[in-house]
Amino acid sequence: MTETRWHPTVTALVPTYNGAAFIGRTLESLARQTWPSLEILIGDDCSTDDTLAIVNDFAAHHPNVRVVERDANLGWLRNSNDLMAHAGGELLFFAFHDDVLAPTYV
């Protein structure tokens, strides 16, 4: 009998607001994850700093990244809930804009 292993797609949810000072390190740590099927979903909540430019540049270089740009500030809870609704993965976790994760975190 062969063992069947489950390899779900995992979505990293990154709600952010004015995280320009930190988010680059967070995104780079997500890009270094060893899990083979990782989606990174970023929700920018109308940042007034360079956050949106940073995340859009990152997404342009990583095909597994999607950015949700808000038309109005939703606040942390609504931004996070909306990200969960848009996630494509079978499993989800939050990676806040100032988290730096070890490569084997997922």
PDB file of N, CA and C in Angstrom:
ATOM      1  N   MET A   1       0.846  -1.182   0.000  1.00  0.00           N
ATOM      2  CA  MET A   1       0.000   0.000   0.000  1.00  0.00           C
ATOM      3  C   MET A   1       0.890   1.243   0.000  1.00  0.00           C
ATOM      4  N   THR A   2       0.598   2.165  -0.893  1.00  0.00           N
ATOM      5  CA  THR A   2       1.371   3.404  -0.939  1.00  0.00           C
ATOM      6  C   THR A   2       0.678   4.477  -0.121  1.00  0.00           C
ATOM      7  N   GLU A   3       1.469   5.278   0.501  1.00  0.00           N
ATOM      8  CA  GLU A   3       0.948   6.373   1.318  1.00  0.00           C
ATOM      9  C   GLU A   3       0.710   7.585   0.429  1.00  0.00           C
ATOM     10  N   THR A   4      -0.473   8.151   0.532  1.00  0.00           N
ATOM     11  CA  THR A   4      -0.790   9.369  -0.203  1.00  0.00           C
ATOM     12  C   THR A   4      -0.516  10.564   0.694  1.00  0.00           C
ATOM     13  N   ARG A   5       0.284  11.479   0.202  1.00  0.00           N
ATOM     14  CA  ARG A   5       0.608  12.681   0.982  1.00  0.00           C
ATOM     15  C   ARG A   5      -0.234  13.838   0.486  1.00  0.00           C
ATOM     16  N   TRP A   6      -0.680  14.638   1.403  1.00  0.00           N
ATOM     17  CA  TRP A   6      -1.487  15.810   1.096  1.00  0.00           C
ATOM     18  C   TRP A   6      -0.556  17.000   0.947  1.00  0.00           C
ATOM     19  N   HIS A   7      -0.631  17.698  -0.183  1.00  0.00           N
ATOM     20  CA  HIS A   7       0.200  18.873  -0.443  1.00  0.00           C
ATOM     21  C   HIS A   7      -0.706  20.035  -0.832  1.00  0.00           C
ATOM     22  N   PRO A   8      -1.383  20.618   0.151  1.00  0.00           N
ATOM     23  CA  PRO A   8      -2.335  21.686  -0.161  1.00  0.00           C
ATOM     24  C   PRO A   8      -1.636  22.973  -0.573  1.00  0.00           C
ATOM     25  N   THR A   9      -2.380  23.785  -1.290  1.00  0.00           N
ATOM     26  CA  THR A   9      -1.941  25.154  -1.520  1.00  0.00           C
ATOM     27  C   THR A   9      -2.184  25.920  -0.227  1.00  0.00           C
ATOM     28  N   VAL A  10      -1.198  26.669   0.195  1.00  0.00           N
ATOM     29  CA  VAL A  10      -1.282  27.470   1.421  1.00  0.00           C
ATOM     30  C   VAL A  10      -1.259  28.940   1.012  1.00  0.00           C
ATOM     31  N   THR A  11      -2.168  29.713   1.584  1.00  0.00           N
ATOM     32  CA  THR A  11      -2.207  31.150   1.314  1.00  0.00           C
ATOM     33  C   THR A  11      -1.709  31.918   2.530  1.00  0.00           C
ATOM     34  N   ALA A  12      -0.703  32.763   2.294  1.00  0.00           N
ATOM     35  CA  ALA A  12      -0.232  33.705   3.310  1.00  0.00           C
ATOM     36  C   ALA A  12      -1.033  34.987   3.131  1.00  0.00           C
ATOM     37  N   LEU A  13      -1.776  35.358   4.143  1.00  0.00           N
ATOM     38  CA  LEU A  13      -2.586  36.576   4.117  1.00  0.00           C
ATOM     39  C   LEU A  13      -1.785  37.702   4.758  1.00  0.00           C
ATOM     40  N   VAL A  14      -1.594  38.778   4.000  1.00  0.00           N
ATOM     41  CA  VAL A  14      -0.771  39.886   4.480  1.00  0.00           C
ATOM     42  C   VAL A  14      -1.603  41.168   4.453  1.00  0.00           C
ATOM     43  N   PRO A  15      -2.364  41.422   5.525  1.00  0.00           N
ATOM     44  CA  PRO A  15      -3.064  42.706   5.591  1.00  0.00           C
ATOM     45  C   PRO A  15      -2.059  43.787   5.967  1.00  0.00           C
ATOM     46  N   THR A  16      -2.138  44.921   5.290  1.00  0.00           N
ATOM     47  CA  THR A  16      -1.148  45.954   5.589  1.00  0.00           C
ATOM     48  C   THR A  16      -1.743  47.347   5.475  1.00  0.00           C
ATOM     49  N   TYR A  17      -1.204  48.231   6.282  1.00  0.00           N
ATOM     50  CA  TYR A  17      -1.516  49.657   6.232  1.00  0.00           C
ATOM     51  C   TYR A  17      -0.263  50.391   6.695  1.00  0.00           C
ATOM     52  N   ASN A  18       0.271  51.217   5.828  1.00  0.00           N
ATOM     53  CA  ASN A  18       1.468  52.000   6.138  1.00  0.00           C
ATOM     54  C   ASN A  18       2.602  51.127   6.689  1.00  0.00           C
ATOM     55  N   GLY A  19       2.885  50.047   5.979  1.00  0.00           N
ATOM     56  CA  GLY A  19       3.923  49.122   6.411  1.00  0.00           C
ATOM     57  C   GLY A  19       5.214  49.223   5.623  1.00  0.00           C
ATOM     58  N   ALA A  20       5.425  50.324   4.921  1.00  0.00           N
ATOM     59  CA  ALA A  20       6.586  50.454   4.036  1.00  0.00           C
ATOM     60  C   ALA A  20       7.913  50.185   4.741  1.00  0.00           C
ATOM     61  N   ALA A  21       8.022  50.554   5.995  1.00  0.00           N
ATOM     62  CA  ALA A  21       9.282  50.384   6.713  1.00  0.00           C
ATOM     63  C   ALA A  21       9.602  48.920   6.993  1.00  0.00           C
ATOM     64  N   PHE A  22       8.583  48.052   6.943  1.00  0.00           N
ATOM     65  CA  PHE A  22       8.773  46.663   7.355  1.00  0.00           C
ATOM     66  C   PHE A  22       8.458  45.629   6.279  1.00  0.00           C
ATOM     67  N   ILE A  23       7.517  45.919   5.409  1.00  0.00           N
ATOM     68  CA  ILE A  23       6.915  44.881   4.577  1.00  0.00           C
ATOM     69  C   ILE A  23       7.879  44.214   3.609  1.00  0.00           C
ATOM     70  N   GLY A  24       8.907  44.892   3.185  1.00  0.00           N
ATOM     71  CA  GLY A  24       9.881  44.284   2.277  1.00  0.00           C
ATOM     72  C   GLY A  24      10.518  43.046   2.880  1.00  0.00           C
ATOM     73  N   ARG A  25      10.917  43.128   4.145  1.00  0.00           N
ATOM     74  CA  ARG A  25      11.516  41.976   4.837  1.00  0.00           C
ATOM     75  C   ARG A  25      10.509  40.850   4.979  1.00  0.00           C
ATOM     76  N   THR A  26       9.271  41.195   5.266  1.00  0.00           N
ATOM     77  CA  THR A  26       8.220  40.178   5.380  1.00  0.00           C
ATOM     78  C   THR A  26       8.036  39.448   4.061  1.00  0.00           C
ATOM     79  N   LEU A  27       7.914  40.196   2.980  1.00  0.00           N
ATOM     80  CA  LEU A  27       7.685  39.585   1.674  1.00  0.00           C
ATOM     81  C   LEU A  27       8.864  38.730   1.236  1.00  0.00           C
ATOM     82  N   GLU A  28      10.070  39.187   1.485  1.00  0.00           N
ATOM     83  CA  GLU A  28      11.245  38.390   1.133  1.00  0.00           C
ATOM     84  C   GLU A  28      11.270  37.089   1.933  1.00  0.00           C
ATOM     85  N   SER A  29      10.875  37.139   3.189  1.00  0.00           N
ATOM     86  CA  SER A  29      10.851  35.905   3.979  1.00  0.00           C
ATOM     87  C   SER A  29       9.772  34.956   3.463  1.00  0.00           C
ATOM     88  N   LEU A  30       8.669  35.489   2.963  1.00  0.00           N
ATOM     89  CA  LEU A  30       7.645  34.639   2.362  1.00  0.00           C
ATOM     90  C   LEU A  30       8.133  34.045   1.044  1.00  0.00           C
ATOM     91  N   ALA A  31       8.861  34.814   0.267  1.00  0.00           N
ATOM     92  CA  ALA A  31       9.387  34.326  -1.009  1.00  0.00           C
ATOM     93  C   ALA A  31      10.390  33.188  -0.802  1.00  0.00           C
ATOM     94  N   ARG A  32      11.042  33.131   0.351  1.00  0.00           N
ATOM     95  CA  ARG A  32      12.034  32.089   0.644  1.00  0.00           C
ATOM     96  C   ARG A  32      11.418  30.827   1.260  1.00  0.00           C
ATOM     97  N   GLN A  33      10.106  30.767   1.393  1.00  0.00           N
ATOM     98  CA  GLN A  33       9.484  29.581   1.976  1.00  0.00           C
ATOM     99  C   GLN A  33       9.776  28.356   1.125  1.00  0.00           C
ATOM    100  N   THR A  34       9.994  27.232   1.768  1.00  0.00           N
ATOM    101  CA  THR A  34      10.304  25.988   1.067  1.00  0.00           C
ATOM    102  C   THR A  34       9.050  25.227   0.647  1.00  0.00           C
ATOM    103  N   TRP A  35       7.898  25.620   1.121  1.00  0.00           N
ATOM    104  CA  TRP A  35       6.657  24.940   0.740  1.00  0.00           C
ATOM    105  C   TRP A  35       6.417  25.164  -0.755  1.00  0.00           C
ATOM    106  N   PRO A  36       6.152  24.112  -1.513  1.00  0.00           N
ATOM    107  CA  PRO A  36       6.105  24.239  -2.977  1.00  0.00           C
ATOM    108  C   PRO A  36       4.876  24.950  -3.542  1.00  0.00           C
ATOM    109  N   SER A  37       3.813  25.045  -2.795  1.00  0.00           N
ATOM    110  CA  SER A  37       2.588  25.651  -3.329  1.00  0.00           C
ATOM    111  C   SER A  37       2.083  26.732  -2.376  1.00  0.00           C
ATOM    112  N   LEU A  38       2.661  27.919  -2.514  1.00  0.00           N
ATOM    113  CA  LEU A  38       2.332  29.027  -1.627  1.00  0.00           C
ATOM    114  C   LEU A  38       1.800  30.200  -2.431  1.00  0.00           C
ATOM    115  N   GLU A  39       0.636  30.682  -2.031  1.00  0.00           N
ATOM    116  CA  GLU A  39       0.062  31.907  -2.586  1.00  0.00           C
ATOM    117  C   GLU A  39       0.265  33.004  -1.540  1.00  0.00           C
ATOM    118  N   ILE A  40       0.672  34.170  -1.988  1.00  0.00           N
ATOM    119  CA  ILE A  40       0.817  35.323  -1.094  1.00  0.00           C
ATOM    120  C   ILE A  40      -0.220  36.348  -1.520  1.00  0.00           C
ATOM    121  N   LEU A  41      -1.133  36.660  -0.612  1.00  0.00           N
ATOM    122  CA  LEU A  41      -2.235  37.577  -0.890  1.00  0.00           C
ATOM    123  C   LEU A  41      -2.102  38.784   0.029  1.00  0.00           C
ATOM    124  N   ILE A  42      -1.861  39.943  -0.578  1.00  0.00           N
ATOM    125  CA  ILE A  42      -1.598  41.172   0.173  1.00  0.00           C
ATOM    126  C   ILE A  42      -2.780  42.114   0.024  1.00  0.00           C
ATOM    127  N   GLY A  43      -3.291  42.611   1.133  1.00  0.00           N
ATOM    128  CA  GLY A  43      -4.374  43.592   1.111  1.00  0.00           C
ATOM    129  C   GLY A  43      -3.869  44.926   1.618  1.00  0.00           C
ATOM    130  N   ASP A  44      -3.648  45.875   0.702  1.00  0.00           N
ATOM    131  CA  ASP A  44      -3.216  47.211   1.118  1.00  0.00           C
ATOM    132  C   ASP A  44      -4.448  48.052   1.428  1.00  0.00           C
ATOM    133  N   ASP A  45      -4.534  48.528   2.648  1.00  0.00           N
ATOM    134  CA  ASP A  45      -5.717  49.231   3.146  1.00  0.00           C
ATOM    135  C   ASP A  45      -5.577  50.747   3.012  1.00  0.00           C
ATOM    136  N   CYS A  46      -5.300  51.193   1.782  1.00  0.00           N
ATOM    137  CA  CYS A  46      -5.170  52.624   1.473  1.00  0.00           C
ATOM    138  C   CYS A  46      -4.003  53.278   2.212  1.00  0.00           C
ATOM    139  N   SER A  47      -2.859  52.630   2.171  1.00  0.00           N
ATOM    140  CA  SER A  47      -1.670  53.190   2.815  1.00  0.00           C
ATOM    141  C   SER A  47      -1.350  54.566   2.247  1.00  0.00           C
ATOM    142  N   THR A  48      -0.818  55.419   3.107  1.00  0.00           N
ATOM    143  CA  THR A  48      -0.434  56.771   2.693  1.00  0.00           C
ATOM    144  C   THR A  48       1.081  56.890   2.521  1.00  0.00           C
ATOM    145  N   ASP A  49       1.802  55.791   2.743  1.00  0.00           N
ATOM    146  CA  ASP A  49       3.249  55.789   2.526  1.00  0.00           C
ATOM    147  C   ASP A  49       3.543  54.994   1.248  1.00  0.00           C
ATOM    148  N   ASP A  50       4.720  54.441   1.107  1.00  0.00           N
ATOM    149  CA  ASP A  50       5.123  53.731  -0.109  1.00  0.00           C
ATOM    150  C   ASP A  50       4.756  52.248  -0.113  1.00  0.00           C
ATOM    151  N   THR A  51       3.915  51.807   0.800  1.00  0.00           N
ATOM    152  CA  THR A  51       3.577  50.391   0.899  1.00  0.00           C
ATOM    153  C   THR A  51       3.065  49.821  -0.414  1.00  0.00           C
ATOM    154  N   LEU A  52       2.115  50.488  -1.036  1.00  0.00           N
ATOM    155  CA  LEU A  52       1.517  49.959  -2.264  1.00  0.00           C
ATOM    156  C   LEU A  52       2.562  49.809  -3.371  1.00  0.00           C
ATOM    157  N   ALA A  53       3.433  50.764  -3.520  1.00  0.00           N
ATOM    158  CA  ALA A  53       4.488  50.666  -4.533  1.00  0.00           C
ATOM    159  C   ALA A  53       5.414  49.489  -4.247  1.00  0.00           C
ATOM    160  N   ILE A  54       5.741  49.268  -3.001  1.00  0.00           N
ATOM    161  CA  ILE A  54       6.619  48.164  -2.614  1.00  0.00           C
ATOM    162  C   ILE A  54       5.959  46.825  -2.920  1.00  0.00           C
ATOM    163  N   VAL A  55       4.699  46.663  -2.531  1.00  0.00           N
ATOM    164  CA  VAL A  55       4.033  45.372  -2.753  1.00  0.00           C
ATOM    165  C   VAL A  55       3.757  45.127  -4.237  1.00  0.00           C
ATOM    166  N   ASN A  56       3.428  46.174  -4.981  1.00  0.00           N
ATOM    167  CA  ASN A  56       3.208  45.998  -6.417  1.00  0.00           C
ATOM    168  C   ASN A  56       4.502  45.610  -7.130  1.00  0.00           C
ATOM    169  N   ASP A  57       5.613  46.205  -6.741  1.00  0.00           N
ATOM    170  CA  ASP A  57       6.903  45.841  -7.325  1.00  0.00           C
ATOM    171  C   ASP A  57       7.244  44.386  -7.000  1.00  0.00           C
ATOM    172  N   PHE A  58       7.006  43.992  -5.771  1.00  0.00           N
ATOM    173  CA  PHE A  58       7.263  42.610  -5.366  1.00  0.00           C
ATOM    174  C   PHE A  58       6.389  41.649  -6.175  1.00  0.00           C
ATOM    175  N   ALA A  59       5.118  41.969  -6.307  1.00  0.00           N
ATOM    176  CA  ALA A  59       4.186  41.110  -7.056  1.00  0.00           C
ATOM    177  C   ALA A  59       4.587  40.987  -8.519  1.00  0.00           C
ATOM    178  N   ALA A  60       5.138  42.040  -9.085  1.00  0.00           N
ATOM    179  CA  ALA A  60       5.549  42.014 -10.486  1.00  0.00           C
ATOM    180  C   ALA A  60       6.659  40.993 -10.738  1.00  0.00           C
ATOM    181  N   HIS A  61       7.386  40.628  -9.686  1.00  0.00           N
ATOM    182  CA  HIS A  61       8.503  39.684  -9.810  1.00  0.00           C
ATOM    183  C   HIS A  61       8.194  38.298  -9.251  1.00  0.00           C
ATOM    184  N   HIS A  62       6.991  38.100  -8.738  1.00  0.00           N
ATOM    185  CA  HIS A  62       6.618  36.823  -8.123  1.00  0.00           C
ATOM    186  C   HIS A  62       5.214  36.429  -8.589  1.00  0.00           C
ATOM    187  N   PRO A  63       5.108  35.427  -9.441  1.00  0.00           N
ATOM    188  CA  PRO A  63       3.802  35.066 -10.008  1.00  0.00           C
ATOM    189  C   PRO A  63       2.804  34.497  -9.000  1.00  0.00           C
ATOM    190  N   ASN A  64       3.250  34.112  -7.825  1.00  0.00           N
ATOM    191  CA  ASN A  64       2.350  33.568  -6.811  1.00  0.00           C
ATOM    192  C   ASN A  64       1.817  34.641  -5.858  1.00  0.00           C
ATOM    193  N   VAL A  65       2.003  35.903  -6.224  1.00  0.00           N
ATOM    194  CA  VAL A  65       1.582  37.021  -5.365  1.00  0.00           C
ATOM    195  C   VAL A  65       0.441  37.779  -6.016  1.00  0.00           C
ATOM    196  N   ARG A  66      -0.589  38.047  -5.219  1.00  0.00           N
ATOM    197  CA  ARG A  66      -1.690  38.910  -5.655  1.00  0.00           C
ATOM    198  C   ARG A  66      -1.829  40.055  -4.664  1.00  0.00           C
ATOM    199  N   VAL A  67      -2.102  41.243  -5.198  1.00  0.00           N
ATOM    200  CA  VAL A  67      -2.295  42.434  -4.365  1.00  0.00           C
ATOM    201  C   VAL A  67      -3.734  42.888  -4.519  1.00  0.00           C
ATOM    202  N   VAL A  68      -4.386  43.110  -3.389  1.00  0.00           N
ATOM    203  CA  VAL A  68      -5.731  43.676  -3.373  1.00  0.00           C
ATOM    204  C   VAL A  68      -5.597  45.106  -2.875  1.00  0.00           C
ATOM    205  N   GLU A  69      -5.856  46.035  -3.775  1.00  0.00           N
ATOM    206  CA  GLU A  69      -5.759  47.452  -3.430  1.00  0.00           C
ATOM    207  C   GLU A  69      -7.155  47.945  -3.065  1.00  0.00           C
ATOM    208  N   ARG A  70      -7.287  48.526  -1.918  1.00  0.00           N
ATOM    209  CA  ARG A  70      -8.584  49.007  -1.427  1.00  0.00           C
ATOM    210  C   ARG A  70      -8.907  50.387  -1.993  1.00  0.00           C
ATOM    211  N   ASP A  71     -10.207  50.620  -2.239  1.00  0.00           N
ATOM    212  CA  ASP A  71     -10.685  51.940  -2.660  1.00  0.00           C
ATOM    213  C   ASP A  71     -10.924  52.851  -1.459  1.00  0.00           C
ATOM    214  N   ALA A  72     -11.155  52.227  -0.311  1.00  0.00           N
ATOM    215  CA  ALA A  72     -11.384  52.959   0.935  1.00  0.00           C
ATOM    216  C   ALA A  72     -10.769  52.144   2.061  1.00  0.00           C
ATOM    217  N   ASN A  73     -10.372  52.820   3.108  1.00  0.00           N
ATOM    218  CA  ASN A  73      -9.781  52.137   4.251  1.00  0.00           C
ATOM    219  C   ASN A  73     -10.861  51.311   4.948  1.00  0.00           C
ATOM    220  N   LEU A  74     -10.628  50.001   5.040  1.00  0.00           N
ATOM    221  CA  LEU A  74     -11.598  49.095   5.659  1.00  0.00           C
ATOM    222  C   LEU A  74     -11.326  48.860   7.141  1.00  0.00           C
ATOM    223  N   GLY A  75     -10.126  49.138   7.570  1.00  0.00           N
ATOM    224  CA  GLY A  75      -9.741  48.774   8.931  1.00  0.00           C
ATOM    225  C   GLY A  75      -9.204  47.346   8.934  1.00  0.00           C
ATOM    226  N   TRP A  76      -8.456  47.015   9.984  1.00  0.00           N
ATOM    227  CA  TRP A  76      -7.765  45.735  10.027  1.00  0.00           C
ATOM    228  C   TRP A  76      -8.716  44.546   9.892  1.00  0.00           C
ATOM    229  N   LEU A  77      -9.800  44.533  10.628  1.00  0.00           N
ATOM    230  CA  LEU A  77     -10.687  43.369  10.639  1.00  0.00           C
ATOM    231  C   LEU A  77     -11.347  43.127   9.283  1.00  0.00           C
ATOM    232  N   ARG A  78     -11.914  44.155   8.686  1.00  0.00           N
ATOM    233  CA  ARG A  78     -12.568  43.979   7.381  1.00  0.00           C
ATOM    234  C   ARG A  78     -11.554  43.677   6.284  1.00  0.00           C
ATOM    235  N   ASN A  79     -10.386  44.279   6.338  1.00  0.00           N
ATOM    236  CA  ASN A  79      -9.328  43.973   5.380  1.00  0.00           C
ATOM    237  C   ASN A  79      -8.945  42.494   5.495  1.00  0.00           C
ATOM    238  N   SER A  80      -8.756  42.018   6.708  1.00  0.00           N
ATOM    239  CA  SER A  80      -8.384  40.625   6.939  1.00  0.00           C
ATOM    240  C   SER A  80      -9.485  39.662   6.508  1.00  0.00           C
ATOM    241  N   ASN A  81     -10.716  39.964   6.856  1.00  0.00           N
ATOM    242  CA  ASN A  81     -11.831  39.100   6.455  1.00  0.00           C
ATOM    243  C   ASN A  81     -11.959  39.022   4.943  1.00  0.00           C
ATOM    244  N   ASP A  82     -11.777  40.147   4.269  1.00  0.00           N
ATOM    245  CA  ASP A  82     -11.859  40.147   2.812  1.00  0.00           C
ATOM    246  C   ASP A  82     -10.724  39.335   2.194  1.00  0.00           C
ATOM    247  N   LEU A  83      -9.540  39.418   2.762  1.00  0.00           N
ATOM    248  CA  LEU A  83      -8.438  38.606   2.263  1.00  0.00           C
ATOM    249  C   LEU A  83      -8.763  37.122   2.390  1.00  0.00           C
ATOM    250  N   MET A  84      -9.337  36.718   3.517  1.00  0.00           N
ATOM    251  CA  MET A  84      -9.708  35.311   3.682  1.00  0.00           C
ATOM    252  C   MET A  84     -10.706  34.890   2.608  1.00  0.00           C
ATOM    253  N   ALA A  85     -11.641  35.776   2.273  1.00  0.00           N
ATOM    254  CA  ALA A  85     -12.644  35.457   1.253  1.00  0.00           C
ATOM    255  C   ALA A  85     -12.024  35.322  -0.141  1.00  0.00           C
ATOM    256  N   HIS A  86     -10.911  36.002  -0.394  1.00  0.00           N
ATOM    257  CA  HIS A  86     -10.256  35.965  -1.707  1.00  0.00           C
ATOM    258  C   HIS A  86      -9.130  34.934  -1.808  1.00  0.00           C
ATOM    259  N   ALA A  87      -8.838  34.255  -0.725  1.00  0.00           N
ATOM    260  CA  ALA A  87      -7.727  33.303  -0.714  1.00  0.00           C
ATOM    261  C   ALA A  87      -8.038  32.094  -1.587  1.00  0.00           C
ATOM    262  N   GLY A  88      -7.040  31.639  -2.302  1.00  0.00           N
ATOM    263  CA  GLY A  88      -7.197  30.467  -3.156  1.00  0.00           C
ATOM    264  C   GLY A  88      -6.695  29.184  -2.517  1.00  0.00           C
ATOM    265  N   GLY A  89      -6.020  29.294  -1.393  1.00  0.00           N
ATOM    266  CA  GLY A  89      -5.431  28.115  -0.762  1.00  0.00           C
ATOM    267  C   GLY A  89      -6.420  27.304   0.051  1.00  0.00           C
ATOM    268  N   GLU A  90      -6.031  26.066   0.278  1.00  0.00           N
ATOM    269  CA  GLU A  90      -6.823  25.178   1.131  1.00  0.00           C
ATOM    270  C   GLU A  90      -6.555  25.461   2.606  1.00  0.00           C
ATOM    271  N   LEU A  91      -5.382  25.982   2.890  1.00  0.00           N
ATOM    272  CA  LEU A  91      -5.001  26.382   4.238  1.00  0.00           C
ATOM    273  C   LEU A  91      -4.550  27.834   4.187  1.00  0.00           C
ATOM    274  N   LEU A  92      -4.773  28.563   5.278  1.00  0.00           N
ATOM    275  CA  LEU A  92      -4.446  29.990   5.351  1.00  0.00           C
ATOM    276  C   LEU A  92      -3.660  30.273   6.619  1.00  0.00           C
ATOM    277  N   PHE A  93      -2.837  31.306   6.549  1.00  0.00           N
ATOM    278  CA  PHE A  93      -2.226  31.836   7.764  1.00  0.00           C
ATOM    279  C   PHE A  93      -1.966  33.316   7.558  1.00  0.00           C
ATOM    280  N   PHE A  94      -1.900  34.050   8.654  1.00  0.00           N
ATOM    281  CA  PHE A  94      -1.597  35.475   8.598  1.00  0.00           C
ATOM    282  C   PHE A  94      -0.099  35.692   8.730  1.00  0.00           C
ATOM    283  N   ALA A  95       0.423  36.544   7.869  1.00  0.00           N
ATOM    284  CA  ALA A  95       1.800  37.016   7.964  1.00  0.00           C
ATOM    285  C   ALA A  95       1.689  38.538   8.006  1.00  0.00           C
ATOM    286  N   PHE A  96       1.794  39.093   9.169  1.00  0.00           N
ATOM    287  CA  PHE A  96       1.605  40.529   9.316  1.00  0.00           C
ATOM    288  C   PHE A  96       2.788  41.284   8.731  1.00  0.00           C
ATOM    289  N   HIS A  97       2.561  42.542   8.355  1.00  0.00           N
ATOM    290  CA  HIS A  97       3.553  43.261   7.555  1.00  0.00           C
ATOM    291  C   HIS A  97       4.890  43.498   8.257  1.00  0.00           C
ATOM    292  N   ASP A  98       4.987  43.140   9.523  1.00  0.00           N
ATOM    293  CA  ASP A  98       6.267  43.270  10.214  1.00  0.00           C
ATOM    294  C   ASP A  98       6.786  41.922  10.714  1.00  0.00           C
ATOM    295  N   ASP A  99       6.224  40.806  10.182  1.00  0.00           N
ATOM    296  CA  ASP A  99       6.705  39.466  10.521  1.00  0.00           C
ATOM    297  C   ASP A  99       7.840  39.068   9.579  1.00  0.00           C
ATOM    298  N   VAL A 100       8.816  38.383  10.112  1.00  0.00           N
ATOM    299  CA  VAL A 100       9.854  37.754   9.299  1.00  0.00           C
ATOM    300  C   VAL A 100       9.833  36.285   9.691  1.00  0.00           C
ATOM    301  N   LEU A 101       9.607  35.421   8.678  1.00  0.00           N
ATOM    302  CA  LEU A 101       9.396  34.007   8.933  1.00  0.00           C
ATOM    303  C   LEU A 101      10.580  33.165   8.478  1.00  0.00           C
ATOM    304  N   ALA A 102      10.894  32.132   9.229  1.00  0.00           N
ATOM    305  CA  ALA A 102      11.930  31.186   8.839  1.00  0.00           C
ATOM    306  C   ALA A 102      11.501  30.480   7.552  1.00  0.00           C
ATOM    307  N   PRO A 103      12.433  30.064   6.710  1.00  0.00           N
ATOM    308  CA  PRO A 103      12.097  29.450   5.421  1.00  0.00           C
ATOM    309  C   PRO A 103      11.222  28.214   5.505  1.00  0.00           C
ATOM    310  N   THR A 104      11.250  27.507   6.611  1.00  0.00           N
ATOM    311  CA  THR A 104      10.441  26.297   6.751  1.00  0.00           C
ATOM    312  C   THR A 104       9.189  26.530   7.584  1.00  0.00           C
ATOM    313  N   TYR A 105       8.801  27.784   7.760  1.00  0.00           N
ATOM    314  CA  TYR A 105       7.608  28.106   8.560  1.00  0.00           C
ATOM    315  C   TYR A 105       6.368  27.409   8.033  1.00  0.00           C
ATOM    316  N   VAL A 106       6.164  27.425   6.720  1.00  0.00           N
ATOM    317  CA  VAL A 106       4.974  26.790   6.135  1.00  0.00           C
ATOM    318  C   VAL A 106       5.244  25.304   6.041  1.00  0.00           C
TER     319      VAL A 106
END
